[in-house]
PDB file of N, CA and C in Angstrom:
ATOM      1  N   MET A   1      32.578  21.996  -8.256  1.00  0.00           N
ATOM      2  CA  MET A   1      32.347  21.656  -9.476  1.00  0.00           C
ATOM      3  C   MET A   1      30.758  21.554  -9.774  1.00  0.00           C
ATOM      4  N   ALA A   2      29.578  20.400  -8.512  1.00  0.00           N
ATOM      5  CA  ALA A   2      28.656  20.158  -8.964  1.00  0.00           C
ATOM      6  C   ALA A   2      28.370  21.190  -7.961  1.00  0.00           C
ATOM      7  N   LEU A   3      28.485  21.737  -6.900  1.00  0.00           N
ATOM      8  CA  LEU A   3      28.433  23.043  -6.217  1.00  0.00           C
ATOM      9  C   LEU A   3      27.887  24.378  -6.801  1.00  0.00           C
ATOM     10  N   ALA A   4      29.082  24.611  -7.227  1.00  0.00           N
ATOM     11  CA  ALA A   4      29.115  25.746  -8.583  1.00  0.00           C
ATOM     12  C   ALA A   4      27.856  25.596  -9.211  1.00  0.00           C
ATOM     13  N   ALA A   5      27.723  24.897 -10.152  1.00  0.00           N
ATOM     14  CA  ALA A   5      26.422  23.967 -10.908  1.00  0.00           C
ATOM     15  C   ALA A   5      25.179  24.279 -10.126  1.00  0.00           C
ATOM     16  N   LEU A   6      25.643  24.031  -9.087  1.00  0.00           N
ATOM     17  CA  LEU A   6      24.229  24.654  -8.791  1.00  0.00           C
ATOM     18  C   LEU A   6      23.950  26.060  -7.850  1.00  0.00           C
ATOM     19  N   LYS A   7      24.709  26.434  -7.743  1.00  0.00           N
ATOM     20  CA  LYS A   7      24.428  27.773  -7.170  1.00  0.00           C
ATOM     21  C   LYS A   7      23.899  28.599  -8.188  1.00  0.00           C
ATOM     22  N   GLY A   8      25.158  28.356  -9.419  1.00  0.00           N
ATOM     23  CA  GLY A   8      24.139  29.220 -10.688  1.00  0.00           C
ATOM     24  C   GLY A   8      24.978  30.504 -11.259  1.00  0.00           C
ATOM     25  N   ASP A   9      25.611  30.997 -10.019  1.00  0.00           N
ATOM     26  CA  ASP A   9      26.556  31.676 -10.048  1.00  0.00           C
ATOM     27  C   ASP A   9      27.266  32.246 -11.764  1.00  0.00           C
ATOM     28  N   LYS A  10      27.602  30.831 -11.735  1.00  0.00           N
ATOM     29  CA  LYS A  10      28.162  31.149 -13.339  1.00  0.00           C
ATOM     30  C   LYS A  10      27.298  29.960 -14.560  1.00  0.00           C
ATOM     31  N   THR A  11      27.506  30.125 -15.727  1.00  0.00           N
ATOM     32  CA  THR A  11      27.072  28.969 -16.512  1.00  0.00           C
ATOM     33  C   THR A  11      27.905  27.742 -16.757  1.00  0.00           C
ATOM     34  N   LEU A  12      27.610  26.793 -17.072  1.00  0.00           N
ATOM     35  CA  LEU A  12      27.900  25.022 -16.979  1.00  0.00           C
ATOM     36  C   LEU A  12      29.193  25.398 -18.195  1.00  0.00           C
ATOM     37  N   ALA A  13      28.722  26.299 -19.247  1.00  0.00           N
ATOM     38  CA  ALA A  13      29.758  26.704 -20.424  1.00  0.00           C
ATOM     39  C   ALA A  13      31.151  27.377 -19.583  1.00  0.00           C
ATOM     40  N   GLU A  14      30.905  28.844 -18.837  1.00  0.00           N
ATOM     41  CA  GLU A  14      31.864  29.004 -17.924  1.00  0.00           C
ATOM     42  C   GLU A  14      32.378  27.437 -17.057  1.00  0.00           C
ATOM     43  N   LEU A  15      31.793  27.187 -15.873  1.00  0.00           N
ATOM     44  CA  LEU A  15      32.532  26.138 -15.525  1.00  0.00           C
ATOM     45  C   LEU A  15      33.735  25.387 -16.608  1.00  0.00           C
ATOM     46  N   SER A  16      32.702  24.441 -17.452  1.00  0.00           N
ATOM     47  CA  SER A  16      33.471  23.595 -17.890  1.00  0.00           C
ATOM     48  C   SER A  16      34.891  24.787 -18.964  1.00  0.00           C
ATOM     49  N   GLU A  17      35.322  25.596 -18.916  1.00  0.00           N
ATOM     50  CA  GLU A  17      36.106  26.296 -19.475  1.00  0.00           C
ATOM     51  C   GLU A  17      36.845  26.597 -18.067  1.00  0.00           C
ATOM     52  N   GLN A  18      36.260  26.922 -16.882  1.00  0.00           N
ATOM     53  CA  GLN A  18      37.502  27.462 -15.746  1.00  0.00           C
ATOM     54  C   GLN A  18      37.966  26.034 -15.223  1.00  0.00           C
ATOM     55  N   PHE A  19      37.228  24.949 -14.943  1.00  0.00           N
ATOM     56  CA  PHE A  19      37.869  23.704 -14.254  1.00  0.00           C
ATOM     57  C   PHE A  19      38.008  22.986 -15.745  1.00  0.00           C
ATOM     58  N   GLU A  20      38.021  22.976 -17.471  1.00  0.00           N
ATOM     59  CA  GLU A  20      38.300  22.150 -17.944  1.00  0.00           C
ATOM     60  C   GLU A  20      38.237  20.583 -18.183  1.00  0.00           C
ATOM     61  N   VAL A  21      36.665  20.747 -17.701  1.00  0.00           N
ATOM     62  CA  VAL A  21      35.739  19.542 -17.685  1.00  0.00           C
ATOM     63  C   VAL A  21      34.770  19.609 -18.751  1.00  0.00           C
ATOM     64  N   HIS A  22      34.205  18.722 -19.475  1.00  0.00           N
ATOM     65  CA  HIS A  22      32.944  18.685 -20.030  1.00  0.00           C
ATOM     66  C   HIS A  22      31.696  18.925 -19.727  1.00  0.00           C
ATOM     67  N   VAL A  23      31.079  19.642 -20.033  1.00  0.00           N
ATOM     68  CA  VAL A  23      29.533  20.312 -19.919  1.00  0.00           C
ATOM     69  C   VAL A  23      28.532  18.799 -19.431  1.00  0.00           C
ATOM     70  N   ASN A  24      28.581  17.938 -20.422  1.00  0.00           N
ATOM     71  CA  ASN A  24      28.454  17.145 -19.964  1.00  0.00           C
ATOM     72  C   ASN A  24      28.723  15.990 -18.745  1.00  0.00           C
ATOM     73  N   GLN A  25      29.551  16.462 -18.216  1.00  0.00           N
ATOM     74  CA  GLN A  25      30.529  15.789 -17.139  1.00  0.00           C
ATOM     75  C   GLN A  25      29.727  16.918 -16.030  1.00  0.00           C
ATOM     76  N   ILE A  26      29.657  17.750 -16.159  1.00  0.00           N
ATOM     77  CA  ILE A  26      29.507  18.801 -15.132  1.00  0.00           C
ATOM     78  C   ILE A  26      28.277  18.265 -14.808  1.00  0.00           C
ATOM     79  N   THR A  27      27.076  18.690 -15.762  1.00  0.00           N
ATOM     80  CA  THR A  27      25.733  17.880 -15.863  1.00  0.00           C
ATOM     81  C   THR A  27      25.498  16.861 -15.230  1.00  0.00           C
ATOM     82  N   GLN A  28      25.882  16.008 -15.158  1.00  0.00           N
ATOM     83  CA  GLN A  28      25.832  14.751 -14.647  1.00  0.00           C
ATOM     84  C   GLN A  28      26.600  14.579 -12.684  1.00  0.00           C
ATOM     85  N   TRP A  29      27.469  15.365 -12.765  1.00  0.00           N
ATOM     86  CA  TRP A  29      27.625  15.302 -11.366  1.00  0.00           C
ATOM     87  C   TRP A  29      26.756  16.568 -10.553  1.00  0.00           C
ATOM     88  N   LYS A  30      26.386  17.066 -11.141  1.00  0.00           N
ATOM     89  CA  LYS A  30      25.231  18.675 -10.621  1.00  0.00           C
ATOM     90  C   LYS A  30      23.771  16.942 -10.577  1.00  0.00           C
ATOM     91  N   ASN A  31      23.739  16.871 -11.255  1.00  0.00           N
ATOM     92  CA  ASN A  31      22.195  15.519 -11.631  1.00  0.00           C
ATOM     93  C   ASN A  31      22.638  14.726 -10.022  1.00  0.00           C
ATOM     94  N   GLN A  32      23.781  13.612 -10.005  1.00  0.00           N
ATOM     95  CA  GLN A  32      24.106  13.533  -8.860  1.00  0.00           C
ATOM     96  C   GLN A  32      24.095  13.873  -7.589  1.00  0.00           C
ATOM     97  N   LEU A  33      24.601  15.282  -7.685  1.00  0.00           N
ATOM     98  CA  LEU A  33      24.671  15.466  -5.769  1.00  0.00           C
ATOM     99  C   LEU A  33      22.935  16.024  -5.459  1.00  0.00           C
ATOM    100  N   GLN A  34      22.243  16.059  -6.864  1.00  0.00           N
ATOM    101  CA  GLN A  34      20.867  16.419  -6.292  1.00  0.00           C
ATOM    102  C   GLN A  34      20.398  15.351  -5.886  1.00  0.00           C
ATOM    103  N   GLU A  35      20.473  14.036  -6.633  1.00  0.00           N
ATOM    104  CA  GLU A  35      19.400  12.749  -5.950  1.00  0.00           C
ATOM    105  C   GLU A  35      20.277  12.611  -4.975  1.00  0.00           C
ATOM    106  N   ARG A  36      21.582  12.315  -4.743  1.00  0.00           N
ATOM    107  CA  ARG A  36      22.029  12.138  -3.463  1.00  0.00           C
ATOM    108  C   ARG A  36      22.490  12.657  -2.170  1.00  0.00           C
ATOM    109  N   ALA A  37      22.196  14.248  -2.115  1.00  0.00           N
ATOM    110  CA  ALA A  37      22.601  14.452  -1.198  1.00  0.00           C
ATOM    111  C   ALA A  37      22.167  14.664   0.007  1.00  0.00           C
ATOM    112  N   SER A  38      20.408  13.882   0.457  1.00  0.00           N
ATOM    113  CA  SER A  38      19.908  13.592   1.393  1.00  0.00           C
ATOM    114  C   SER A  38      20.837  12.848   2.557  1.00  0.00           C
ATOM    115  N   ASN A  39      21.636  11.783   1.450  1.00  0.00           N
ATOM    116  CA  ASN A  39      22.724  11.283   2.291  1.00  0.00           C
ATOM    117  C   ASN A  39      23.176  10.993   3.027  1.00  0.00           C
ATOM    118  N   VAL A  40      24.111  12.984   2.340  1.00  0.00           N
ATOM    119  CA  VAL A  40      25.195  13.154   3.511  1.00  0.00           C
ATOM    120  C   VAL A  40      24.566  13.721   4.879  1.00  0.00           C
ATOM    121  N   PHE A  41      23.389  13.940   4.894  1.00  0.00           N
ATOM    122  CA  PHE A  41      22.789  14.095   6.259  1.00  0.00           C
ATOM    123  C   PHE A  41      21.719  13.616   7.092  1.00  0.00           C
ATOM    124  N   ALA A  42      21.829  12.135   6.577  1.00  0.00           N
ATOM    125  CA  ALA A  42      21.127  11.220   7.206  1.00  0.00           C
ATOM    126  C   ALA A  42      22.043  10.525   8.238  1.00  0.00           C
ATOM    127  N   THR A  43      21.372  10.420   9.046  1.00  0.00           N
ATOM    128  CA  THR A  43      21.526   9.059   9.964  1.00  0.00           C
ATOM    129  C   THR A  43      22.270   7.872   9.515  1.00  0.00           C
ATOM    130  N   ALA A  44      23.144   7.398  10.105  1.00  0.00           N
ATOM    131  CA  ALA A  44      23.563   6.227  10.161  1.00  0.00           C
ATOM    132  C   ALA A  44      22.337   5.203   9.483  1.00  0.00           C
ATOM    133  N   ALA A  45      21.303   5.430  10.774  1.00  0.00           N
ATOM    134  CA  ALA A  45      20.403   3.637  10.684  1.00  0.00           C
ATOM    135  C   ALA A  45      19.186   4.266   9.871  1.00  0.00           C
ATOM    136  N   GLU A  46      19.391   6.041   9.132  1.00  0.00           N
ATOM    137  CA  GLU A  46      18.560   6.398   8.178  1.00  0.00           C
ATOM    138  C   GLU A  46      18.774   5.593   6.662  1.00  0.00           C
ATOM    139  N   ARG A  47      20.202   5.260   6.598  1.00  0.00           N
ATOM    140  CA  ARG A  47      21.152   4.935   5.746  1.00  0.00           C
ATOM    141  C   ARG A  47      20.616   3.306   5.136  1.00  0.00           C
ATOM    142  N   ASN A  48      20.769   2.876   6.793  1.00  0.00           N
ATOM    143  CA  ASN A  48      20.755   1.160   6.220  1.00  0.00           C
ATOM    144  C   ASN A  48      18.989   1.267   5.992  1.00  0.00           C
ATOM    145  N   GLU A  49      18.205   2.067   6.309  1.00  0.00           N
ATOM    146  CA  GLU A  49      16.728   1.340   6.146  1.00  0.00           C
ATOM    147  C   GLU A  49      16.281   1.633   4.889  1.00  0.00           C
ATOM    148  N   SER A  50      17.227   2.608   3.772  1.00  0.00           N
ATOM    149  CA  SER A  50      17.308   3.469   2.763  1.00  0.00           C
ATOM    150  C   SER A  50      17.938   2.391   1.781  1.00  0.00           C
ATOM    151  N   ALA A  51      19.025   1.345   2.215  1.00  0.00           N
ATOM    152  CA  ALA A  51      19.999   0.751   1.755  1.00  0.00           C
ATOM    153  C   ALA A  51      19.459  -0.768   1.436  1.00  0.00           C
ATOM    154  N   GLY A  52      18.107  -0.730   1.590  1.00  0.00           N
ATOM    155  CA  GLY A  52      17.010  -1.995   1.333  1.00  0.00           C
ATOM    156  C   GLY A  52      17.773  -3.216   2.213  1.00  0.00           C
ATOM    157  N   PRO A  53      16.991  -4.122   1.389  1.00  0.00           N
ATOM    158  CA  PRO A  53      16.618  -5.622   3.071  1.00  0.00           C
ATOM    159  C   PRO A  53      17.795  -6.141   3.251  1.00  0.00           C
ATOM    160  N   ASP A  54      17.859  -6.873   4.118  1.00  0.00           N
ATOM    161  CA  ASP A  54      18.772  -7.777   4.338  1.00  0.00           C
ATOM    162  C   ASP A  54      19.727  -8.785   3.777  1.00  0.00           C
ATOM    163  N   VAL A  55      20.957  -8.760   3.625  1.00  0.00           N
ATOM    164  CA  VAL A  55      20.867 -10.022   2.194  1.00  0.00           C
ATOM    165  C   VAL A  55      21.313 -11.229   3.095  1.00  0.00           C
ATOM    166  N   LYS A  56      21.491 -11.583   3.557  1.00  0.00           N
ATOM    167  CA  LYS A  56      21.145 -12.354   4.432  1.00  0.00           C
ATOM    168  C   LYS A  56      19.454 -13.628   4.946  1.00  0.00           C
ATOM    169  N   GLU A  57      19.023 -11.879   5.376  1.00  0.00           N
ATOM    170  CA  GLU A  57      17.214 -12.196   5.260  1.00  0.00           C
ATOM    171  C   GLU A  57      17.213 -12.851   4.119  1.00  0.00           C
ATOM    172  N   LEU A  58      17.446 -12.066   3.093  1.00  0.00           N
ATOM    173  CA  LEU A  58      17.137 -13.129   1.618  1.00  0.00           C
ATOM    174  C   LEU A  58      17.611 -14.307   0.964  1.00  0.00           C
ATOM    175  N   HIS A  59      18.589 -14.344   1.770  1.00  0.00           N
ATOM    176  CA  HIS A  59      19.186 -15.945   1.205  1.00  0.00           C
ATOM    177  C   HIS A  59      18.482 -16.337   2.410  1.00  0.00           C
ATOM    178  N   ALA A  60      18.476 -16.178   3.076  1.00  0.00           N
ATOM    179  CA  ALA A  60      17.134 -17.277   4.178  1.00  0.00           C
ATOM    180  C   ALA A  60      15.639 -18.020   3.343  1.00  0.00           C
ATOM    181  N   LYS A  61      15.046 -16.689   2.745  1.00  0.00           N
ATOM    182  CA  LYS A  61      14.250 -16.967   2.535  1.00  0.00           C
ATOM    183  C   LYS A  61      14.431 -17.444   0.825  1.00  0.00           C
ATOM    184  N   ILE A  62      15.347 -17.689   0.473  1.00  0.00           N
ATOM    185  CA  ILE A  62      15.512 -18.302  -0.971  1.00  0.00           C
ATOM    186  C   ILE A  62      15.884 -19.564  -0.954  1.00  0.00           C
ATOM    187  N   GLY A  63      17.018 -20.462   0.502  1.00  0.00           N
ATOM    188  CA  GLY A  63      16.341 -21.369   1.157  1.00  0.00           C
ATOM    189  C   GLY A  63      15.011 -21.916   1.174  1.00  0.00           C
ATOM    190  N   GLN A  64      14.498 -21.599   1.931  1.00  0.00           N
ATOM    191  CA  GLN A  64      13.325 -22.185   2.810  1.00  0.00           C
ATOM    192  C   GLN A  64      12.159 -22.189   1.181  1.00  0.00           C
ATOM    193  N   LEU A  65      12.545 -21.151   0.008  1.00  0.00           N
ATOM    194  CA  LEU A  65      11.783 -21.365  -1.005  1.00  0.00           C
ATOM    195  C   LEU A  65      11.975 -22.450  -2.100  1.00  0.00           C
ATOM    196  N   ALA A  66      13.283 -22.643  -1.836  1.00  0.00           N
ATOM    197  CA  ALA A  66      13.762 -24.195  -2.950  1.00  0.00           C
ATOM    198  C   ALA A  66      13.844 -25.261  -1.929  1.00  0.00           C
ATOM    199  N   MET A  67      13.762 -25.200  -1.181  1.00  0.00           N
ATOM    200  CA  MET A  67      13.461 -26.534   0.070  1.00  0.00           C
ATOM    201  C   MET A  67      11.681 -27.199  -0.379  1.00  0.00           C
ATOM    202  N   ALA A  68      10.876 -25.875  -0.708  1.00  0.00           N
ATOM    203  CA  ALA A  68       9.410 -26.259  -0.882  1.00  0.00           C
ATOM    204  C   ALA A  68       8.868 -26.826  -2.621  1.00  0.00           C
ATOM    205  N   ASN A  69      10.350 -25.619  -3.124  1.00  0.00           N
ATOM    206  CA  ASN A  69      10.241 -25.796  -4.689  1.00  0.00           C
ATOM    207  C   ASN A  69      10.056 -27.743  -4.838  1.00  0.00           C
ATOM    208  N   ASP A  70      11.575 -27.432  -3.901  1.00  0.00           N
ATOM    209  CA  ASP A  70      11.914 -29.257  -4.309  1.00  0.00           C
ATOM    210  C   ASP A  70      10.686 -30.049  -3.526  1.00  0.00           C
ATOM    211  N   PHE A  71      10.392 -29.872  -2.776  1.00  0.00           N
ATOM    212  CA  PHE A  71       9.733 -30.759  -1.871  1.00  0.00           C
ATOM    213  C   PHE A  71       8.199 -30.890  -2.985  1.00  0.00           C
ATOM    214  N   LEU A  72       7.508 -29.471  -3.357  1.00  0.00           N
ATOM    215  CA  LEU A  72       6.431 -30.238  -3.967  1.00  0.00           C
ATOM    216  C   LEU A  72       6.637 -30.449  -5.185  1.00  0.00           C
ATOM    217  N   ALA A  73       7.490 -30.264  -6.163  1.00  0.00           N
ATOM    218  CA  ALA A  73       8.558 -31.208  -7.121  1.00  0.00           C
ATOM    219  C   ALA A  73       8.365 -33.128  -6.865  1.00  0.00           C
ATOM    220  N   ALA A  74       8.953 -32.972  -5.646  1.00  0.00           N
ATOM    221  CA  ALA A  74       8.815 -34.705  -5.554  1.00  0.00           C
ATOM    222  C   ALA A  74       7.053 -35.194  -5.189  1.00  0.00           C
ATOM    223  N   ALA A  75       7.113 -34.108  -4.320  1.00  0.00           N
ATOM    224  CA  ALA A  75       5.197 -34.764  -4.087  1.00  0.00           C
ATOM    225  C   ALA A  75       4.193 -34.898  -5.613  1.00  0.00           C
ATOM    226  N   LEU A  76       4.465 -33.582  -6.444  1.00  0.00           N
ATOM    227  CA  LEU A  76       3.822 -34.128  -7.621  1.00  0.00           C
ATOM    228  C   LEU A  76       3.861 -34.779  -8.767  1.00  0.00           C
ATOM    229  N   GLY A  77       5.933 -35.287  -8.540  1.00  0.00           N
ATOM    230  CA  GLY A  77       6.265 -36.973  -9.365  1.00  0.00           C
ATOM    231  C   GLY A  77       5.623 -37.603  -8.889  1.00  0.00           C
ATOM    232  N   ARG A  78       5.128 -37.900  -7.886  1.00  0.00           N
ATOM    233  CA  ARG A  78       4.412 -39.016  -7.040  1.00  0.00           C
ATOM    234  C   ARG A  78       3.465 -39.537  -7.523  1.00  0.00           C
ATOM    235  N   VAL A  79       2.539 -38.178  -8.103  1.00  0.00           N
ATOM    236  CA  VAL A  79       0.765 -38.128  -7.995  1.00  0.00           C
ATOM    237  C   VAL A  79       0.510 -39.009  -9.063  1.00  0.00           C
ATOM    238  N   GLY A  80       1.130 -39.546 -10.057  1.00  0.00           N
ATOM    239  CA  GLY A  80       0.610 -40.796 -11.212  1.00  0.00           C
ATOM    240  C   GLY A  80       1.340 -42.159 -10.557  1.00  0.00           C
ATOM    241  N   ASP A  81       1.958 -42.141  -9.656  1.00  0.00           N
ATOM    242  CA  ASP A  81       3.013 -42.923  -9.477  1.00  0.00           C
ATOM    243  C   ASP A  81       1.558 -44.098  -8.696  1.00  0.00           C
ATOM    244  N   PRO A  82       1.757 -45.919  -8.900  1.00  0.00           N
ATOM    245  CA  PRO A  82       0.164 -46.156  -8.165  1.00  0.00           C
ATOM    246  C   PRO A  82       0.552 -46.650  -6.456  1.00  0.00           C
ATOM    247  N   SER A  83       1.707 -46.538  -6.173  1.00  0.00           N
ATOM    248  CA  SER A  83       1.954 -46.194  -4.757  1.00  0.00           C
ATOM    249  C   SER A  83       1.445 -45.240  -3.986  1.00  0.00           C
ATOM    250  N   ALA A  84       1.119 -43.929  -4.779  1.00  0.00           N
ATOM    251  CA  ALA A  84       0.599 -42.668  -3.728  1.00  0.00           C
ATOM    252  C   ALA A  84      -0.470 -42.850  -3.213  1.00  0.00           C
ATOM    253  N   LYS A  85      -0.819 -42.188  -1.939  1.00  0.00           N
ATOM    254  CA  LYS A  85      -1.720 -42.914  -1.254  1.00  0.00           C
ATOM    255  C   LYS A  85      -3.054 -41.593  -1.974  1.00  0.00           C
ATOM    256  N   ARG A  86      -4.638 -41.925  -2.224  1.00  0.00           N
ATOM    257  CA  ARG A  86      -5.283 -40.739  -2.765  1.00  0.00           C
ATOM    258  C   ARG A  86      -6.285 -41.155  -1.444  1.00  0.00           C
TER     259      ARG A  86
END
């Protein structure tokens, strides 16, 4: 249906009548096909590249930042402490 809508041989109203689907749904599918058509012909490496950052790397970075925040919170908490070195 989306391909037929892209071809433009028939109007959306004609396609809606032929396939018994609302015009808005056909339009939505057509837009999705236009946006994602490049993924159909992309290699696996290109798909992985466009998928975004690796989740494991992000989790590692979150852990690293959490440890740094804890360390700094503890260090700043001791600033007013009389036992803190100056």
